């Protein structure tokens, strides 16, 4: 059986309130963040717990780009194009 690799993306300007339900709906722990056609970061469940739930910013008013991990792909052994 061949595995299919899928990436789910949101734009950097999406609110946390919009990104988290998408992650839940897709049953994923992280979502790629894009600026235009380029990858600019990743937003994870850990980001939700440490930067939203514990820190307390308003999910409606906070954009994903404010809390994402930037340039995560620079640490990968190969570049993944999405």
PDB file of N, CA and C in Angstrom:
ATOM      1  N   UNK A   1       0.839  -1.176   0.000  1.00  0.00           N
ATOM      2  CA  UNK A   1       0.000   0.000   0.000  1.00  0.00           C
ATOM      3  C   UNK A   1       0.890   1.246   0.000  1.00  0.00           C
ATOM      4  N   UNK A   2       0.611   2.163  -0.898  1.00  0.00           N
ATOM      5  CA  UNK A   2       1.391   3.388  -1.002  1.00  0.00           C
ATOM      6  C   UNK A   2       0.800   4.452  -0.082  1.00  0.00           C
ATOM      7  N   UNK A   3       1.665   5.084   0.705  1.00  0.00           N
ATOM      8  CA  UNK A   3       1.221   6.156   1.594  1.00  0.00           C
ATOM      9  C   UNK A   3       1.156   7.463   0.816  1.00  0.00           C
ATOM     10  N   UNK A   4       0.147   8.238   1.098  1.00  0.00           N
ATOM     11  CA  UNK A   4      -0.006   9.545   0.485  1.00  0.00           C
ATOM     12  C   UNK A   4       0.347  10.604   1.518  1.00  0.00           C
ATOM     13  N   UNK A   5       1.249  11.494   1.149  1.00  0.00           N
ATOM     14  CA  UNK A   5       1.668  12.565   2.032  1.00  0.00           C
ATOM     15  C   UNK A   5       0.835  13.792   1.731  1.00  0.00           C
ATOM     16  N   UNK A   6       0.125  14.300   2.717  1.00  0.00           N
ATOM     17  CA  UNK A   6      -0.712  15.476   2.537  1.00  0.00           C
ATOM     18  C   UNK A   6      -0.277  16.572   3.483  1.00  0.00           C
ATOM     19  N   UNK A   7      -0.328  17.794   2.985  1.00  0.00           N
ATOM     20  CA  UNK A   7      -0.052  18.963   3.800  1.00  0.00           C
ATOM     21  C   UNK A   7      -1.299  19.810   3.845  1.00  0.00           C
ATOM     22  N   UNK A   8      -1.626  20.309   5.005  1.00  0.00           N
ATOM     23  CA  UNK A   8      -2.731  21.231   5.142  1.00  0.00           C
ATOM     24  C   UNK A   8      -2.139  22.594   5.459  1.00  0.00           C
ATOM     25  N   UNK A   9      -2.665  23.604   4.800  1.00  0.00           N
ATOM     26  CA  UNK A   9      -2.085  24.942   4.907  1.00  0.00           C
ATOM     27  C   UNK A   9      -3.133  25.977   5.284  1.00  0.00           C
ATOM     28  N   UNK A  10      -2.660  27.032   5.924  1.00  0.00           N
ATOM     29  CA  UNK A  10      -3.452  28.238   6.148  1.00  0.00           C
ATOM     30  C   UNK A  10      -2.566  29.416   5.772  1.00  0.00           C
ATOM     31  N   UNK A  11      -3.188  30.538   5.479  1.00  0.00           N
ATOM     32  CA  UNK A  11      -2.400  31.736   5.206  1.00  0.00           C
ATOM     33  C   UNK A  11      -1.995  32.367   6.527  1.00  0.00           C
ATOM     34  N   UNK A  12      -0.933  33.133   6.481  1.00  0.00           N
ATOM     35  CA  UNK A  12      -0.396  33.764   7.688  1.00  0.00           C
ATOM     36  C   UNK A  12      -1.374  34.728   8.348  1.00  0.00           C
ATOM     37  N   UNK A  13      -2.352  35.207   7.588  1.00  0.00           N
ATOM     38  CA  UNK A  13      -3.290  36.200   8.115  1.00  0.00           C
ATOM     39  C   UNK A  13      -4.540  35.586   8.753  1.00  0.00           C
ATOM     40  N   UNK A  14      -4.667  34.268   8.705  1.00  0.00           N
ATOM     41  CA  UNK A  14      -5.805  33.610   9.358  1.00  0.00           C
ATOM     42  C   UNK A  14      -5.702  33.804  10.862  1.00  0.00           C
ATOM     43  N   UNK A  15      -6.839  33.887  11.496  1.00  0.00           N
ATOM     44  CA  UNK A  15      -6.841  34.009  12.955  1.00  0.00           C
ATOM     45  C   UNK A  15      -6.625  32.630  13.573  1.00  0.00           C
ATOM     46  N   UNK A  16      -6.210  32.640  14.820  1.00  0.00           N
ATOM     47  CA  UNK A  16      -6.068  31.388  15.562  1.00  0.00           C
ATOM     48  C   UNK A  16      -7.424  30.699  15.631  1.00  0.00           C
ATOM     49  N   UNK A  17      -8.464  31.483  15.787  1.00  0.00           N
ATOM     50  CA  UNK A  17      -9.825  30.948  15.859  1.00  0.00           C
ATOM     51  C   UNK A  17     -10.215  30.200  14.578  1.00  0.00           C
ATOM     52  N   UNK A  18      -9.652  30.573  13.441  1.00  0.00           N
ATOM     53  CA  UNK A  18      -9.930  29.889  12.182  1.00  0.00           C
ATOM     54  C   UNK A  18      -9.022  28.674  11.983  1.00  0.00           C
ATOM     55  N   UNK A  19      -7.774  28.754  12.412  1.00  0.00           N
ATOM     56  CA  UNK A  19      -6.804  27.680  12.176  1.00  0.00           C
ATOM     57  C   UNK A  19      -7.044  26.455  13.047  1.00  0.00           C
ATOM     58  N   UNK A  20      -7.359  26.666  14.324  1.00  0.00           N
ATOM     59  CA  UNK A  20      -7.495  25.534  15.255  1.00  0.00           C
ATOM     60  C   UNK A  20      -8.642  24.593  14.865  1.00  0.00           C
ATOM     61  N   UNK A  21      -9.829  25.087  14.503  1.00  0.00           N
ATOM     62  CA  UNK A  21     -10.876  24.156  14.077  1.00  0.00           C
ATOM     63  C   UNK A  21     -10.505  23.371  12.815  1.00  0.00           C
ATOM     64  N   UNK A  22      -9.740  23.991  11.920  1.00  0.00           N
ATOM     65  CA  UNK A  22      -9.286  23.283  10.716  1.00  0.00           C
ATOM     66  C   UNK A  22      -8.348  22.140  11.099  1.00  0.00           C
ATOM     67  N   UNK A  23      -7.463  22.381  12.040  1.00  0.00           N
ATOM     68  CA  UNK A  23      -6.571  21.320  12.513  1.00  0.00           C
ATOM     69  C   UNK A  23      -7.384  20.184  13.147  1.00  0.00           C
ATOM     70  N   UNK A  24      -8.373  20.532  13.910  1.00  0.00           N
ATOM     71  CA  UNK A  24      -9.231  19.537  14.545  1.00  0.00           C
ATOM     72  C   UNK A  24     -10.031  18.752  13.508  1.00  0.00           C
ATOM     73  N   UNK A  25     -10.592  19.462  12.556  1.00  0.00           N
ATOM     74  CA  UNK A  25     -11.397  18.826  11.514  1.00  0.00           C
ATOM     75  C   UNK A  25     -10.560  17.835  10.696  1.00  0.00           C
ATOM     76  N   UNK A  26      -9.321  18.190  10.400  1.00  0.00           N
ATOM     77  CA  UNK A  26      -8.441  17.327   9.611  1.00  0.00           C
ATOM     78  C   UNK A  26      -7.718  16.282  10.467  1.00  0.00           C
ATOM     79  N   UNK A  27      -7.878  16.388  11.797  1.00  0.00           N
ATOM     80  CA  UNK A  27      -7.241  15.471  12.748  1.00  0.00           C
ATOM     81  C   UNK A  27      -5.724  15.486  12.595  1.00  0.00           C
ATOM     82  N   UNK A  28      -5.174  16.703  12.605  1.00  0.00           N
ATOM     83  CA  UNK A  28      -3.729  16.889  12.454  1.00  0.00           C
ATOM     84  C   UNK A  28      -3.173  17.681  13.631  1.00  0.00           C
ATOM     85  N   UNK A  29      -1.895  17.515  13.883  1.00  0.00           N
ATOM     86  CA  UNK A  29      -1.252  18.190  15.001  1.00  0.00           C
ATOM     87  C   UNK A  29      -0.503  19.444  14.606  1.00  0.00           C
ATOM     88  N   UNK A  30      -0.396  19.686  13.302  1.00  0.00           N
ATOM     89  CA  UNK A  30       0.294  20.893  12.843  1.00  0.00           C
ATOM     90  C   UNK A  30      -0.226  21.282  11.472  1.00  0.00           C
ATOM     91  N   UNK A  31      -0.057  22.552  11.174  1.00  0.00           N
ATOM     92  CA  UNK A  31      -0.531  23.052   9.895  1.00  0.00           C
ATOM     93  C   UNK A  31       0.534  24.005   9.328  1.00  0.00           C
ATOM     94  N   UNK A  32       0.818  23.861   8.050  1.00  0.00           N
ATOM     95  CA  UNK A  32       1.815  24.698   7.376  1.00  0.00           C
ATOM     96  C   UNK A  32       1.229  26.087   7.166  1.00  0.00           C
ATOM     97  N   UNK A  33       2.036  27.105   7.395  1.00  0.00           N
ATOM     98  CA  UNK A  33       1.595  28.487   7.228  1.00  0.00           C
ATOM     99  C   UNK A  33       2.273  29.054   5.981  1.00  0.00           C
ATOM    100  N   UNK A  34       1.463  29.652   5.109  1.00  0.00           N
ATOM    101  CA  UNK A  34       1.985  30.181   3.856  1.00  0.00           C
ATOM    102  C   UNK A  34       1.788  31.686   3.763  1.00  0.00           C
ATOM    103  N   UNK A  35       2.734  32.334   3.112  1.00  0.00           N
ATOM    104  CA  UNK A  35       2.635  33.746   2.757  1.00  0.00           C
ATOM    105  C   UNK A  35       2.746  33.778   1.243  1.00  0.00           C
ATOM    106  N   UNK A  36       1.626  34.048   0.588  1.00  0.00           N
ATOM    107  CA  UNK A  36       1.606  33.935  -0.865  1.00  0.00           C
ATOM    108  C   UNK A  36       1.798  32.480  -1.240  1.00  0.00           C
ATOM    109  N   UNK A  37       2.783  32.207  -2.094  1.00  0.00           N
ATOM    110  CA  UNK A  37       3.049  30.818  -2.488  1.00  0.00           C
ATOM    111  C   UNK A  37       4.235  30.215  -1.732  1.00  0.00           C
ATOM    112  N   UNK A  38       4.739  30.934  -0.736  1.00  0.00           N
ATOM    113  CA  UNK A  38       5.901  30.447   0.024  1.00  0.00           C
ATOM    114  C   UNK A  38       5.512  29.986   1.422  1.00  0.00           C
ATOM    115  N   UNK A  39       6.229  28.997   1.904  1.00  0.00           N
ATOM    116  CA  UNK A  39       6.058  28.535   3.284  1.00  0.00           C
ATOM    117  C   UNK A  39       6.794  29.516   4.188  1.00  0.00           C
ATOM    118  N   UNK A  40       6.103  29.988   5.219  1.00  0.00           N
ATOM    119  CA  UNK A  40       6.763  30.931   6.143  1.00  0.00           C
ATOM    120  C   UNK A  40       6.815  30.400   7.571  1.00  0.00           C
ATOM    121  N   UNK A  41       6.141  29.273   7.847  1.00  0.00           N
ATOM    122  CA  UNK A  41       6.182  28.733   9.197  1.00  0.00           C
ATOM    123  C   UNK A  41       5.278  27.533   9.367  1.00  0.00           C
ATOM    124  N   UNK A  42       5.150  27.132  10.622  1.00  0.00           N
ATOM    125  CA  UNK A  42       4.280  26.020  10.991  1.00  0.00           C
ATOM    126  C   UNK A  42       3.595  26.385  12.310  1.00  0.00           C
ATOM    127  N   UNK A  43       2.346  25.964  12.450  1.00  0.00           N
ATOM    128  CA  UNK A  43       1.576  26.199  13.665  1.00  0.00           C
ATOM    129  C   UNK A  43       1.153  24.843  14.192  1.00  0.00           C
ATOM    130  N   UNK A  44       1.471  24.561  15.453  1.00  0.00           N
ATOM    131  CA  UNK A  44       1.259  23.227  16.020  1.00  0.00           C
ATOM    132  C   UNK A  44       0.324  23.233  17.221  1.00  0.00           C
ATOM    133  N   UNK A  45      -0.078  22.026  17.629  1.00  0.00           N
ATOM    134  CA  UNK A  45      -0.877  21.888  18.849  1.00  0.00           C
ATOM    135  C   UNK A  45      -0.117  22.430  20.053  1.00  0.00           C
ATOM    136  N   UNK A  46       1.172  22.229  20.068  1.00  0.00           N
ATOM    137  CA  UNK A  46       1.986  22.745  21.175  1.00  0.00           C
ATOM    138  C   UNK A  46       1.927  24.273  21.208  1.00  0.00           C
ATOM    139  N   UNK A  47       1.932  24.910  20.022  1.00  0.00           N
ATOM    140  CA  UNK A  47       1.789  26.367  19.957  1.00  0.00           C
ATOM    141  C   UNK A  47       0.453  26.792  20.567  1.00  0.00           C
ATOM    142  N   UNK A  48      -0.584  26.035  20.279  1.00  0.00           N
ATOM    143  CA  UNK A  48      -1.907  26.345  20.836  1.00  0.00           C
ATOM    144  C   UNK A  48      -1.858  26.282  22.362  1.00  0.00           C
ATOM    145  N   UNK A  49      -1.257  25.228  22.891  1.00  0.00           N
ATOM    146  CA  UNK A  49      -1.211  25.060  24.341  1.00  0.00           C
ATOM    147  C   UNK A  49      -0.320  26.088  25.035  1.00  0.00           C
ATOM    148  N   UNK A  50       0.865  26.325  24.498  1.00  0.00           N
ATOM    149  CA  UNK A  50       1.816  27.202  25.185  1.00  0.00           C
ATOM    150  C   UNK A  50       1.642  28.675  24.859  1.00  0.00           C
ATOM    151  N   UNK A  51       1.199  28.990  23.656  1.00  0.00           N
ATOM    152  CA  UNK A  51       1.130  30.391  23.242  1.00  0.00           C
ATOM    153  C   UNK A  51      -0.277  30.968  23.223  1.00  0.00           C
ATOM    154  N   UNK A  52      -1.287  30.095  23.284  1.00  0.00           N
ATOM    155  CA  UNK A  52      -2.666  30.582  23.286  1.00  0.00           C
ATOM    156  C   UNK A  52      -3.323  30.286  24.626  1.00  0.00           C
ATOM    157  N   UNK A  53      -3.450  29.013  24.981  1.00  0.00           N
ATOM    158  CA  UNK A  53      -4.154  28.628  26.203  1.00  0.00           C
ATOM    159  C   UNK A  53      -3.443  29.177  27.440  1.00  0.00           C
ATOM    160  N   UNK A  54      -2.137  28.975  27.534  1.00  0.00           N
ATOM    161  CA  UNK A  54      -1.385  29.416  28.713  1.00  0.00           C
ATOM    162  C   UNK A  54      -1.133  30.918  28.738  1.00  0.00           C
ATOM    163  N   UNK A  55      -0.876  31.505  27.581  1.00  0.00           N
ATOM    164  CA  UNK A  55      -0.516  32.925  27.518  1.00  0.00           C
ATOM    165  C   UNK A  55      -1.726  33.847  27.445  1.00  0.00           C
ATOM    166  N   UNK A  56      -2.825  33.374  26.866  1.00  0.00           N
ATOM    167  CA  UNK A  56      -4.070  34.111  26.888  1.00  0.00           C
ATOM    168  C   UNK A  56      -4.374  35.154  25.839  1.00  0.00           C
ATOM    169  N   UNK A  57      -3.730  35.162  24.641  1.00  0.00           N
ATOM    170  CA  UNK A  57      -4.145  36.143  23.633  1.00  0.00           C
ATOM    171  C   UNK A  57      -5.531  35.810  23.100  1.00  0.00           C
ATOM    172  N   UNK A  58      -6.210  36.801  22.567  1.00  0.00           N
ATOM    173  CA  UNK A  58      -7.545  36.605  22.012  1.00  0.00           C
ATOM    174  C   UNK A  58      -7.441  35.846  20.688  1.00  0.00           C
ATOM    175  N   UNK A  59      -7.962  34.615  20.603  1.00  0.00           N
ATOM    176  CA  UNK A  59      -7.870  33.830  19.371  1.00  0.00           C
ATOM    177  C   UNK A  59      -8.543  34.487  18.166  1.00  0.00           C
ATOM    178  N   UNK A  60      -9.549  35.314  18.415  1.00  0.00           N
ATOM    179  CA  UNK A  60     -10.228  35.997  17.314  1.00  0.00           C
ATOM    180  C   UNK A  60      -9.370  37.109  16.729  1.00  0.00           C
ATOM    181  N   UNK A  61      -8.596  37.775  17.567  1.00  0.00           N
ATOM    182  CA  UNK A  61      -7.828  38.939  17.146  1.00  0.00           C
ATOM    183  C   UNK A  61      -6.362  38.625  16.831  1.00  0.00           C
ATOM    184  N   UNK A  62      -5.916  37.419  17.139  1.00  0.00           N
ATOM    185  CA  UNK A  62      -4.516  37.055  16.936  1.00  0.00           C
ATOM    186  C   UNK A  62      -4.360  36.263  15.649  1.00  0.00           C
ATOM    187  N   UNK A  63      -3.438  36.698  14.798  1.00  0.00           N
ATOM    188  CA  UNK A  63      -3.183  36.000  13.543  1.00  0.00           C
ATOM    189  C   UNK A  63      -2.167  34.890  13.760  1.00  0.00           C
ATOM    190  N   UNK A  64      -2.266  33.870  12.919  1.00  0.00           N
ATOM    191  CA  UNK A  64      -1.369  32.721  13.008  1.00  0.00           C
ATOM    192  C   UNK A  64       0.091  33.161  12.931  1.00  0.00           C
ATOM    193  N   UNK A  65       0.405  34.134  12.098  1.00  0.00           N
ATOM    194  CA  UNK A  65       1.806  34.567  11.936  1.00  0.00           C
ATOM    195  C   UNK A  65       2.425  35.090  13.226  1.00  0.00           C
ATOM    196  N   UNK A  66       1.594  35.548  14.156  1.00  0.00           N
ATOM    197  CA  UNK A  66       2.098  36.076  15.428  1.00  0.00           C
ATOM    198  C   UNK A  66       2.591  34.973  16.370  1.00  0.00           C
ATOM    199  N   UNK A  67       2.079  33.758  16.200  1.00  0.00           N
ATOM    200  CA  UNK A  67       2.393  32.679  17.136  1.00  0.00           C
ATOM    201  C   UNK A  67       3.034  31.455  16.494  1.00  0.00           C
ATOM    202  N   UNK A  68       3.195  31.448  15.183  1.00  0.00           N
ATOM    203  CA  UNK A  68       3.757  30.293  14.477  1.00  0.00           C
ATOM    204  C   UNK A  68       5.257  30.169  14.743  1.00  0.00           C
ATOM    205  N   UNK A  69       5.791  29.018  14.436  1.00  0.00           N
ATOM    206  CA  UNK A  69       7.228  28.806  14.436  1.00  0.00           C
ATOM    207  C   UNK A  69       7.713  29.122  13.031  1.00  0.00           C
ATOM    208  N   UNK A  70       8.648  30.068  12.914  1.00  0.00           N
ATOM    209  CA  UNK A  70       9.125  30.493  11.603  1.00  0.00           C
ATOM    210  C   UNK A  70      10.304  29.650  11.129  1.00  0.00           C
ATOM    211  N   UNK A  71      10.423  29.553   9.816  1.00  0.00           N
ATOM    212  CA  UNK A  71      11.576  28.927   9.161  1.00  0.00           C
ATOM    213  C   UNK A  71      11.863  27.523   9.671  1.00  0.00           C
ATOM    214  N   UNK A  72      10.834  26.766   9.978  1.00  0.00           N
ATOM    215  CA  UNK A  72      11.025  25.412  10.489  1.00  0.00           C
ATOM    216  C   UNK A  72      11.683  24.503   9.473  1.00  0.00           C
ATOM    217  N   UNK A  73      11.416  24.723   8.194  1.00  0.00           N
ATOM    218  CA  UNK A  73      11.910  23.825   7.162  1.00  0.00           C
ATOM    219  C   UNK A  73      13.421  23.930   6.961  1.00  0.00           C
ATOM    220  N   UNK A  74      14.052  24.960   7.463  1.00  0.00           N
ATOM    221  CA  UNK A  74      15.500  25.088   7.328  1.00  0.00           C
ATOM    222  C   UNK A  74      16.226  24.001   8.106  1.00  0.00           C
ATOM    223  N   UNK A  75      15.561  23.386   9.071  1.00  0.00           N
ATOM    224  CA  UNK A  75      16.166  22.331   9.865  1.00  0.00           C
ATOM    225  C   UNK A  75      15.928  20.936   9.303  1.00  0.00           C
ATOM    226  N   UNK A  76      15.151  20.843   8.236  1.00  0.00           N
ATOM    227  CA  UNK A  76      14.880  19.547   7.641  1.00  0.00           C
ATOM    228  C   UNK A  76      16.035  19.126   6.737  1.00  0.00           C
ATOM    229  N   UNK A  77      16.251  17.820   6.611  1.00  0.00           N
ATOM    230  CA  UNK A  77      17.338  17.367   5.748  1.00  0.00           C
ATOM    231  C   UNK A  77      17.051  17.581   4.258  1.00  0.00           C
ATOM    232  N   UNK A  78      15.835  17.856   3.922  1.00  0.00           N
ATOM    233  CA  UNK A  78      15.464  18.140   2.543  1.00  0.00           C
ATOM    234  C   UNK A  78      14.324  19.153   2.559  1.00  0.00           C
ATOM    235  N   UNK A  79      14.139  19.835   1.469  1.00  0.00           N
ATOM    236  CA  UNK A  79      13.102  20.866   1.380  1.00  0.00           C
ATOM    237  C   UNK A  79      11.837  20.258   0.815  1.00  0.00           C
ATOM    238  N   UNK A  80      10.724  20.540   1.437  1.00  0.00           N
ATOM    239  CA  UNK A  80       9.423  20.054   0.972  1.00  0.00           C
ATOM    240  C   UNK A  80       8.689  21.209   0.342  1.00  0.00           C
ATOM    241  N   UNK A  81       8.316  21.059  -0.892  1.00  0.00           N
ATOM    242  CA  UNK A  81       7.566  22.120  -1.587  1.00  0.00           C
ATOM    243  C   UNK A  81       6.083  21.852  -1.430  1.00  0.00           C
ATOM    244  N   UNK A  82       5.326  22.867  -1.023  1.00  0.00           N
ATOM    245  CA  UNK A  82       3.876  22.727  -0.865  1.00  0.00           C
ATOM    246  C   UNK A  82       3.160  23.712  -1.751  1.00  0.00           C
TER     247      UNK A  82
END
